[in-house]
């Protein structure tokens, strides 16, 4: 038997395993209204009450991009002083209103970074809005995947306003480890 034929025979179980895993993984579906609307209002009110500009917001959204990542939390952004979440999940930095972000999310976690004080966090919340519509790669959003790009961007905002600021996180799921938990919605049901 030729080496190429042996390789094909040896690889078919891996192909079958990959196809089986892909078939078993399902996309998250949001709950039907009015339950989703009530959860959105309750979560938005809690975040508005407890979060401050500069807090990190990690989310797991509904959609193909987030489903493909198969992580508990897939995105991270910074809450700005206008109540928007600024993030670099895609190639360009975007701003999303808090309520819209919450409505489109399966889970929302708010973390107050412990590596900076209140003054630096407030400066980050003010400065982050200036990055909107810029290429993510030019403002520190460099990563091998959208999730790592989003995390790198969020943490680079702090390095820009306070160079000694640093935290060790490469994925959104690691963001709760860099500070105090302010809010965790838990998954929608």
Protein backbone atom coordinates (compact mmCIF):
# COMPACT_ATOMS: atom_id res chain seq x y z
CA UNK A 1 0.00 0.00 0.00
CA UNK A 2 1.33 3.44 -0.92
CA UNK A 3 2.11 6.04 1.78
CA UNK A 4 -0.53 8.40 0.37
CA UNK A 5 -3.18 5.71 0.60
CA UNK A 6 -2.17 4.87 4.21
CA UNK A 7 -2.41 8.57 5.10
CA UNK A 8 -5.92 8.79 3.64
CA UNK A 9 -7.01 5.71 5.58
CA UNK A 10 -5.51 7.02 8.80
CA UNK A 11 -7.10 10.46 8.48
CA UNK A 12 -10.72 9.44 7.84
CA UNK A 13 -11.50 8.94 11.57
CA UNK A 14 -10.36 12.51 12.24
CA UNK A 15 -12.55 13.82 9.43
CA UNK A 16 -15.52 11.88 10.78
CA UNK A 17 -14.86 13.19 14.30
CA UNK A 18 -14.69 16.78 13.02
CA UNK A 19 -17.96 16.41 11.09
CA UNK A 20 -19.65 14.82 14.12
CA UNK A 21 -18.49 17.66 16.40
CA UNK A 22 -19.66 20.27 13.91
CA UNK A 23 -23.08 18.62 13.66
CA UNK A 24 -23.43 18.44 17.46
CA UNK A 25 -22.51 22.04 18.13
CA UNK A 26 -25.56 24.21 17.86
CA UNK A 27 -25.96 27.91 17.59
CA UNK A 28 -27.29 29.70 20.64
CA UNK A 29 -30.79 31.00 20.12
CA UNK A 30 -32.17 33.96 22.08
CA UNK A 31 -35.29 33.39 24.19
CA UNK A 32 -38.55 34.58 22.78
CA UNK A 33 -40.04 37.93 23.71
CA UNK A 34 -41.36 39.08 26.19
CA UNK A 35 -38.86 37.10 28.34
CA UNK A 36 -35.89 38.44 26.36
CA UNK A 37 -37.18 42.03 26.62
CA UNK A 38 -37.64 41.72 30.41
CA UNK A 39 -34.15 40.24 30.85
CA UNK A 40 -32.65 42.96 28.64
CA UNK A 41 -34.29 45.75 30.67
CA UNK A 42 -33.29 44.19 33.99
CA UNK A 43 -29.66 43.60 32.92
CA UNK A 44 -29.33 47.08 31.36
CA UNK A 45 -30.67 48.74 34.51
CA UNK A 46 -28.24 46.79 36.73
CA UNK A 47 -25.25 47.62 34.52
CA UNK A 48 -26.23 51.30 34.29
CA UNK A 49 -26.54 51.46 38.07
CA UNK A 50 -23.29 49.62 38.94
CA UNK A 51 -20.82 50.09 36.07
CA UNK A 52 -18.61 53.14 35.57
CA UNK A 53 -16.81 54.43 32.46
CA UNK A 54 -13.67 52.42 31.86
CA UNK A 55 -15.10 49.11 33.07
CA UNK A 56 -14.51 46.11 30.83
CA UNK A 57 -17.60 44.47 29.36
CA UNK A 58 -17.20 40.84 28.24
CA UNK A 59 -20.06 39.25 26.31
CA UNK A 60 -21.22 36.14 24.51
CA UNK A 61 -23.40 37.34 21.65
CA UNK A 62 -25.86 35.61 19.35
CA UNK A 63 -24.52 35.10 15.85
CA UNK A 64 -22.40 32.93 13.60
CA UNK A 65 -19.09 34.60 14.48
CA UNK A 66 -19.57 34.01 18.20
CA UNK A 67 -20.94 30.49 17.69
CA UNK A 68 -17.85 29.57 15.68
CA UNK A 69 -15.57 30.55 18.57
CA UNK A 70 -17.37 28.22 21.02
CA UNK A 71 -16.21 30.15 24.10
CA UNK A 72 -18.20 31.14 27.16
CA UNK A 73 -17.37 34.81 26.51
CA UNK A 74 -16.37 35.85 23.00
CA UNK A 75 -16.00 39.64 22.99
CA UNK A 76 -14.70 42.35 25.26
CA UNK A 77 -15.03 46.11 25.08
CA UNK A 78 -14.67 49.19 27.25
CA UNK A 79 -17.61 51.20 28.60
CA UNK A 80 -17.16 54.82 27.55
CA UNK A 81 -18.41 57.96 29.26
CA UNK A 82 -21.43 58.13 26.93
CA UNK A 83 -22.81 54.70 27.87
CA UNK A 84 -21.50 52.92 24.79
CA UNK A 85 -19.37 49.81 24.55
CA UNK A 86 -16.30 50.37 22.38
CA UNK A 87 -14.82 47.17 20.95
CA UNK A 88 -12.55 45.86 18.21
CA UNK A 89 -14.04 42.44 17.46
CA UNK A 90 -13.93 43.15 13.72
CA UNK A 91 -11.29 44.96 11.69
CA UNK A 92 -12.66 48.39 12.74
CA UNK A 93 -13.34 49.72 16.23
CA UNK A 94 -17.09 50.09 16.79
CA UNK A 95 -19.43 51.65 19.35
CA UNK A 96 -22.61 49.91 20.50
CA UNK A 97 -25.25 51.34 22.82
CA UNK A 98 -25.42 49.42 26.08
CA UNK A 99 -29.04 48.37 25.65
CA UNK A 100 -28.42 47.09 22.11
CA UNK A 101 -25.38 45.15 23.27
CA UNK A 102 -27.30 43.58 26.14
CA UNK A 103 -30.26 42.71 23.90
CA UNK A 104 -27.96 40.88 21.47
CA UNK A 105 -26.04 39.00 24.15
CA UNK A 106 -26.49 35.58 25.73
CA UNK A 107 -24.32 36.59 28.70
CA UNK A 108 -22.84 39.90 29.91
CA UNK A 109 -20.03 40.27 32.46
CA UNK A 110 -18.80 43.64 33.77
CA UNK A 111 -15.33 43.74 35.31
CA UNK A 112 -13.62 46.65 37.07
CA UNK A 113 -9.87 46.34 36.30
CA UNK A 114 -7.78 46.04 39.46
CA UNK A 115 -4.51 47.10 37.79
CA UNK A 116 -5.55 50.80 37.68
CA UNK A 117 -7.19 53.28 40.04
CA UNK A 118 -10.50 55.15 39.59
CA UNK A 119 -8.83 58.16 37.92
CA UNK A 120 -7.11 56.05 35.25
CA UNK A 121 -10.31 54.06 34.64
CA UNK A 122 -12.24 57.33 34.14
CA UNK A 123 -9.57 58.56 31.67
CA UNK A 124 -9.82 55.28 29.76
CA UNK A 125 -13.63 55.63 29.63
CA UNK A 126 -13.23 59.12 28.18
CA UNK A 127 -10.43 58.27 25.72
CA UNK A 128 -11.84 55.05 24.30
CA UNK A 129 -14.54 56.86 22.28
CA UNK A 130 -11.81 58.48 20.18
CA UNK A 131 -10.89 55.08 18.69
CA UNK A 132 -14.27 54.52 17.00
CA UNK A 133 -14.03 53.92 13.23
CA UNK A 134 -10.25 53.42 13.34
CA UNK A 135 -8.62 50.22 12.11
CA UNK A 136 -8.34 47.85 15.06
CA UNK A 137 -4.76 46.95 14.18
CA UNK A 138 -3.61 50.57 14.52
CA UNK A 139 -4.92 50.96 18.07
CA UNK A 140 -3.68 47.76 19.66
CA UNK A 141 -6.34 45.36 18.44
CA UNK A 142 -3.92 42.78 17.09
CA UNK A 143 -4.70 39.10 17.48
CA UNK A 144 -4.98 35.85 15.62
CA UNK A 145 -8.77 35.75 16.03
CA UNK A 146 -11.56 38.28 16.59
CA UNK A 147 -11.68 37.31 20.28
CA UNK A 148 -7.97 37.88 20.87
CA UNK A 149 -8.12 41.13 18.85
CA UNK A 150 -10.99 42.39 21.04
CA UNK A 151 -9.11 41.54 24.23
CA UNK A 152 -5.87 43.12 23.01
CA UNK A 153 -7.71 46.32 22.07
CA UNK A 154 -9.51 46.64 25.43
CA UNK A 155 -6.30 46.24 27.38
CA UNK A 156 -4.34 48.54 25.03
CA UNK A 157 -6.75 51.38 25.87
CA UNK A 158 -5.42 51.25 29.42
CA UNK A 159 -1.80 51.18 28.29
CA UNK A 160 -2.50 54.27 26.15
CA UNK A 161 -3.86 56.35 29.04
CA UNK A 162 -1.54 54.92 31.70
CA UNK A 163 1.57 53.19 30.27
CA UNK A 164 2.38 51.14 33.40
CA UNK A 165 -1.10 49.57 33.27
CA UNK A 166 -0.92 45.95 32.33
CA UNK A 167 -2.95 42.81 32.67
CA UNK A 168 -2.47 39.30 31.48
CA UNK A 169 -5.41 38.17 29.35
CA UNK A 170 -5.59 36.95 25.79
CA UNK A 171 -9.22 35.83 25.51
CA UNK A 172 -12.49 37.39 26.69
CA UNK A 173 -13.11 34.41 28.98
CA UNK A 174 -10.02 35.50 30.97
CA UNK A 175 -11.26 39.07 31.54
CA UNK A 176 -13.02 38.28 34.86
CA UNK A 177 -9.58 37.38 36.24
CA UNK A 178 -8.18 40.93 35.73
CA UNK A 179 -10.46 42.72 38.15
CA UNK A 180 -13.46 42.81 40.42
CA UNK A 181 -16.70 41.37 39.15
CA UNK A 182 -19.30 44.15 39.00
CA UNK A 183 -22.09 42.28 37.21
CA UNK A 184 -22.59 38.81 35.74
CA UNK A 185 -25.90 38.16 34.03
CA UNK A 186 -25.34 34.43 33.75
CA UNK A 187 -26.61 32.81 30.55
CA UNK A 188 -30.08 33.60 29.27
CA UNK A 189 -32.56 30.78 29.62
